[in-house]
Each structure stands twice: as structure tokens, then as C-alpha cells.
């Protein structure tokens, strides 16, 4: 009936509020650069390395992730 529909809407509202609060906490916690991040330019699909910028490819990705503490 009417009260069941209202409870459903309230349940969705509370679920949305919990989701929004959780996402806000996650964004706040991780919204800073990490020391060993690999930054890829979305314009050129290149990433900076100590030698030179390199094209971002799967092979490069695996190699860089494996060795990324060196950068």
C-alpha cells in the first residue's frame, strides 16, 4: 500500500545518502598524488619516465608497473 511505497522511497533515499557519504570519504582519502604514481597524459597517451616520455602501451604498462618504484 501507500506506507510500503513510502518506506521503499525512504529506503532508497537512505541508501543513496550512505553511498554518497562513502564515495565522499573515498574521494577525500585518495584525492592526492601518490609517491609512485604513473601519470599518463590522456591527450598523447604518453607517460614520463626518467629517460623520456614513452607511449603508453600494454607492454609498457606491465613493465612500468613491475618497476615503478624506480621512477
Foldseek 3Di string as FASTA:
>chain_A
DVVVVVVVVVVVVVVVVVVVVVVVVVCVVPVDDDPLDFDADPVQCWTQDPVGIDHDDPVCVVVCVVVSVVD
